[in-house]
Amino acid sequence: MKVGKLLHTRYRVNDLERTVKFYRDVLGLTETRRHKSPRGSELVFFKAPGSEEEIELCHFPASESVQVQPDLTHLAFEIASLDEFAKHLAQHGLKYSDGPTTTSSGSIIAFVDAPEGYEIELIQKANNES
């Protein structure tokens, strides 16, 4: 037996509303649902345009504070123009933490730091990639 399709990825956070604002206002993701789990976790789910998988942000007040190690994990999103997105970031008082860097395939990548220390990778695909 094999698993089916990927449904969601969870990131636990300390400041849920600050992180929700980043994913909604900076990344432009759509909040799909929000609820409290039976054990008391506050959960907010997001989707990116054209994706089926969701991102689950979780605040669990009964647990210890989240401490994200550098370069532990990241989410990667396709983007039409890193130059245009840099302007959008600047409107929110943000900038790329790394890059833009051209890869061997001709794609251009950059990273921005999300709240809590999670990284977001943005990929502008090369013209020959689909």
C-alpha atoms as a PDB file:
ATOM      1  CA  MET A   1       0.000   0.000   0.000  1.00  0.00           C
ATOM      2  CA  LYS A   2       1.223   3.519  -0.846  1.00  0.00           C
ATOM      3  CA  VAL A   3       0.213   6.919   0.465  1.00  0.00           C
ATOM      4  CA  GLY A   4      -1.990   9.142  -1.651  1.00  0.00           C
ATOM      5  CA  LYS A   5      -1.502  12.766  -2.603  1.00  0.00           C
ATOM      6  CA  LEU A   6       0.119  15.291  -0.297  1.00  0.00           C
ATOM      7  CA  LEU A   7      -2.610  17.204   1.551  1.00  0.00           C
ATOM      8  CA  HIS A   8      -0.812  19.764   3.692  1.00  0.00           C
ATOM      9  CA  THR A   9       2.388  20.781   5.432  1.00  0.00           C
ATOM     10  CA  ARG A  10       2.297  22.090   9.007  1.00  0.00           C
ATOM     11  CA  TYR A  11       4.431  24.836  10.496  1.00  0.00           C
ATOM     12  CA  ARG A  12       4.031  25.528  14.196  1.00  0.00           C
ATOM     13  CA  VAL A  13       4.384  29.180  15.143  1.00  0.00           C
ATOM     14  CA  ASN A  14       4.500  31.381  18.222  1.00  0.00           C
ATOM     15  CA  ASP A  15       2.611  34.402  16.842  1.00  0.00           C
ATOM     16  CA  LEU A  16      -0.223  33.074  14.716  1.00  0.00           C
ATOM     17  CA  GLU A  17      -1.747  36.378  13.582  1.00  0.00           C
ATOM     18  CA  ARG A  18       1.616  37.914  12.599  1.00  0.00           C
ATOM     19  CA  THR A  19       2.400  34.816  10.548  1.00  0.00           C
ATOM     20  CA  VAL A  20      -1.102  34.714   9.015  1.00  0.00           C
ATOM     21  CA  LYS A  21      -0.665  38.338   7.937  1.00  0.00           C
ATOM     22  CA  PHE A  22       2.658  37.477   6.221  1.00  0.00           C
ATOM     23  CA  TYR A  23       1.255  34.482   4.319  1.00  0.00           C
ATOM     24  CA  ARG A  24      -1.877  36.410   3.319  1.00  0.00           C
ATOM     25  CA  ASP A  25      -0.596  39.936   2.669  1.00  0.00           C
ATOM     26  CA  VAL A  26       3.003  39.358   1.591  1.00  0.00           C
ATOM     27  CA  LEU A  27       2.791  36.000  -0.187  1.00  0.00           C
ATOM     28  CA  GLY A  28      -0.812  36.464  -1.361  1.00  0.00           C
ATOM     29  CA  LEU A  29      -2.025  33.045  -0.229  1.00  0.00           C
ATOM     30  CA  THR A  30      -5.727  32.406   0.374  1.00  0.00           C
ATOM     31  CA  GLU A  31      -6.930  31.372   3.817  1.00  0.00           C
ATOM     32  CA  THR A  32      -9.121  28.315   3.284  1.00  0.00           C
ATOM     33  CA  ARG A  33     -10.214  27.534   6.833  1.00  0.00           C
ATOM     34  CA  ARG A  34      -9.520  28.166  10.482  1.00  0.00           C
ATOM     35  CA  HIS A  35     -10.426  26.187  13.575  1.00  0.00           C
ATOM     36  CA  LYS A  36      -9.316  24.944  16.977  1.00  0.00           C
ATOM     37  CA  SER A  37      -8.270  21.313  17.344  1.00  0.00           C
ATOM     38  CA  PRO A  38      -9.575  19.063  20.139  1.00  0.00           C
ATOM     39  CA  ARG A  39      -6.223  19.426  21.964  1.00  0.00           C
ATOM     40  CA  GLY A  40      -6.330  23.238  21.804  1.00  0.00           C
ATOM     41  CA  SER A  41      -4.192  24.062  18.776  1.00  0.00           C
ATOM     42  CA  GLU A  42      -5.273  27.061  16.744  1.00  0.00           C
ATOM     43  CA  LEU A  43      -5.054  26.101  13.055  1.00  0.00           C
ATOM     44  CA  VAL A  44      -5.147  28.240   9.917  1.00  0.00           C
ATOM     45  CA  PHE A  45      -4.904  26.682   6.441  1.00  0.00           C
ATOM     46  CA  PHE A  46      -3.706  28.422   3.269  1.00  0.00           C
ATOM     47  CA  LYS A  47      -3.511  27.586  -0.425  1.00  0.00           C
ATOM     48  CA  ALA A  48      -1.387  29.042  -3.180  1.00  0.00           C
ATOM     49  CA  PRO A  49      -2.982  29.749  -6.565  1.00  0.00           C
ATOM     50  CA  GLY A  50      -2.865  26.662  -8.768  1.00  0.00           C
ATOM     51  CA  SER A  51      -1.961  24.306  -5.905  1.00  0.00           C
ATOM     52  CA  GLU A  52      -4.032  21.621  -4.256  1.00  0.00           C
ATOM     53  CA  GLU A  53      -1.825  21.195  -1.191  1.00  0.00           C
ATOM     54  CA  GLU A  54      -2.410  23.407   1.817  1.00  0.00           C
ATOM     55  CA  ILE A  55      -0.092  24.980   4.350  1.00  0.00           C
ATOM     56  CA  GLU A  56      -1.239  24.617   7.937  1.00  0.00           C
ATOM     57  CA  LEU A  57      -0.096  27.207  10.457  1.00  0.00           C
ATOM     58  CA  CYS A  58      -0.453  25.939  14.008  1.00  0.00           C
ATOM     59  CA  HIS A  59      -0.262  27.788  17.301  1.00  0.00           C
ATOM     60  CA  PHE A  60      -0.263  25.417  20.279  1.00  0.00           C
ATOM     61  CA  PRO A  61      -0.308  27.530  23.455  1.00  0.00           C
ATOM     62  CA  ALA A  62       0.281  24.523  25.741  1.00  0.00           C
ATOM     63  CA  SER A  63       3.676  23.761  24.178  1.00  0.00           C
ATOM     64  CA  GLU A  64       7.070  25.379  24.465  1.00  0.00           C
ATOM     65  CA  SER A  65       8.091  28.253  22.226  1.00  0.00           C
ATOM     66  CA  VAL A  66       9.028  27.391  18.630  1.00  0.00           C
ATOM     67  CA  GLN A  67      12.754  27.716  17.879  1.00  0.00           C
ATOM     68  CA  VAL A  68      13.409  27.223  14.157  1.00  0.00           C
ATOM     69  CA  GLN A  69      16.984  26.261  13.361  1.00  0.00           C
ATOM     70  CA  PRO A  70      18.632  28.085  10.431  1.00  0.00           C
ATOM     71  CA  ASP A  71      18.221  26.308   7.099  1.00  0.00           C
ATOM     72  CA  LEU A  72      16.005  23.613   8.658  1.00  0.00           C
ATOM     73  CA  THR A  73      13.109  23.765   6.198  1.00  0.00           C
ATOM     74  CA  HIS A  74      11.499  26.008   3.633  1.00  0.00           C
ATOM     75  CA  LEU A  75       8.528  26.322   1.327  1.00  0.00           C
ATOM     76  CA  ALA A  76       9.170  27.019  -2.369  1.00  0.00           C
ATOM     77  CA  PHE A  77       6.818  28.963  -4.620  1.00  0.00           C
ATOM     78  CA  GLU A  78       6.954  29.714  -8.323  1.00  0.00           C
ATOM     79  CA  ILE A  79       6.928  33.416  -9.128  1.00  0.00           C
ATOM     80  CA  ALA A  80       6.611  35.299 -12.419  1.00  0.00           C
ATOM     81  CA  SER A  81       9.153  38.042 -11.645  1.00  0.00           C
ATOM     82  CA  LEU A  82      11.583  38.285  -8.750  1.00  0.00           C
ATOM     83  CA  ASP A  83      12.204  41.947  -9.635  1.00  0.00           C
ATOM     84  CA  GLU A  84       8.512  42.771  -9.301  1.00  0.00           C
ATOM     85  CA  PHE A  85       8.192  40.726  -6.108  1.00  0.00           C
ATOM     86  CA  ALA A  86      11.158  42.610  -4.602  1.00  0.00           C
ATOM     87  CA  LYS A  87       9.164  45.831  -5.077  1.00  0.00           C
ATOM     88  CA  HIS A  88       6.159  44.200  -3.386  1.00  0.00           C
ATOM     89  CA  LEU A  89       8.361  43.101  -0.474  1.00  0.00           C
ATOM     90  CA  ALA A  90       9.713  46.643  -0.101  1.00  0.00           C
ATOM     91  CA  GLN A  91       6.140  47.920   0.312  1.00  0.00           C
ATOM     92  CA  HIS A  92       5.936  45.632   3.366  1.00  0.00           C
ATOM     93  CA  GLY A  93       9.335  46.717   4.711  1.00  0.00           C
ATOM     94  CA  LEU A  94      10.966  43.446   3.639  1.00  0.00           C
ATOM     95  CA  LYS A  95      13.733  42.372   1.275  1.00  0.00           C
ATOM     96  CA  TYR A  96      15.305  39.152   0.075  1.00  0.00           C
ATOM     97  CA  SER A  97      17.476  37.466   2.683  1.00  0.00           C
ATOM     98  CA  ASP A  98      19.434  35.629  -0.026  1.00  0.00           C
ATOM     99  CA  GLY A  99      19.641  36.087  -3.781  1.00  0.00           C
ATOM    100  CA  PRO A 100      18.493  36.505  -6.435  1.00  0.00           C
ATOM    101  CA  THR A 101      20.801  33.784  -7.756  1.00  0.00           C
ATOM    102  CA  THR A 102      20.754  32.188 -11.197  1.00  0.00           C
ATOM    103  CA  THR A 103      20.865  28.383 -11.094  1.00  0.00           C
ATOM    104  CA  SER A 104      22.584  26.075 -13.573  1.00  0.00           C
ATOM    105  CA  SER A 105      19.200  25.486 -15.280  1.00  0.00           C
ATOM    106  CA  GLY A 106      18.721  29.216 -15.803  1.00  0.00           C
ATOM    107  CA  SER A 107      16.037  29.628 -13.154  1.00  0.00           C
ATOM    108  CA  ILE A 108      16.498  32.456 -10.679  1.00  0.00           C
ATOM    109  CA  ILE A 109      15.902  31.866  -6.978  1.00  0.00           C
ATOM    110  CA  ALA A 110      15.683  34.105  -3.947  1.00  0.00           C
ATOM    111  CA  PHE A 111      14.721  33.662  -0.319  1.00  0.00           C
ATOM    112  CA  VAL A 112      12.704  35.791   2.080  1.00  0.00           C
ATOM    113  CA  ASP A 113      12.433  35.166   5.812  1.00  0.00           C
ATOM    114  CA  ALA A 114       8.933  34.507   7.097  1.00  0.00           C
ATOM    115  CA  PRO A 115       8.025  35.187  10.720  1.00  0.00           C
ATOM    116  CA  GLU A 116       9.328  32.603  13.188  1.00  0.00           C
ATOM    117  CA  GLY A 117      12.488  31.980  11.135  1.00  0.00           C
ATOM    118  CA  TYR A 118      11.028  29.826   8.390  1.00  0.00           C
ATOM    119  CA  GLU A 119      12.394  30.531   4.910  1.00  0.00           C
ATOM    120  CA  ILE A 120      10.377  31.034   1.751  1.00  0.00           C
ATOM    121  CA  GLU A 121      12.096  30.207  -1.539  1.00  0.00           C
ATOM    122  CA  LEU A 122      10.850  32.004  -4.644  1.00  0.00           C
ATOM    123  CA  ILE A 123      11.652  30.506  -8.038  1.00  0.00           C
ATOM    124  CA  GLN A 124      11.442  32.389 -11.317  1.00  0.00           C
ATOM    125  CA  LYS A 125      11.646  29.575 -13.835  1.00  0.00           C
ATOM    126  CA  ALA A 126      13.890  29.845 -16.872  1.00  0.00           C
ATOM    127  CA  ASN A 127      12.122  30.491 -20.164  1.00  0.00           C
ATOM    128  CA  ASN A 128      12.797  26.908 -21.260  1.00  0.00           C
ATOM    129  CA  GLU A 129      11.168  25.342 -18.165  1.00  0.00           C
ATOM    130  CA  SER A 130       7.483  24.661 -17.842  1.00  0.00           C
END
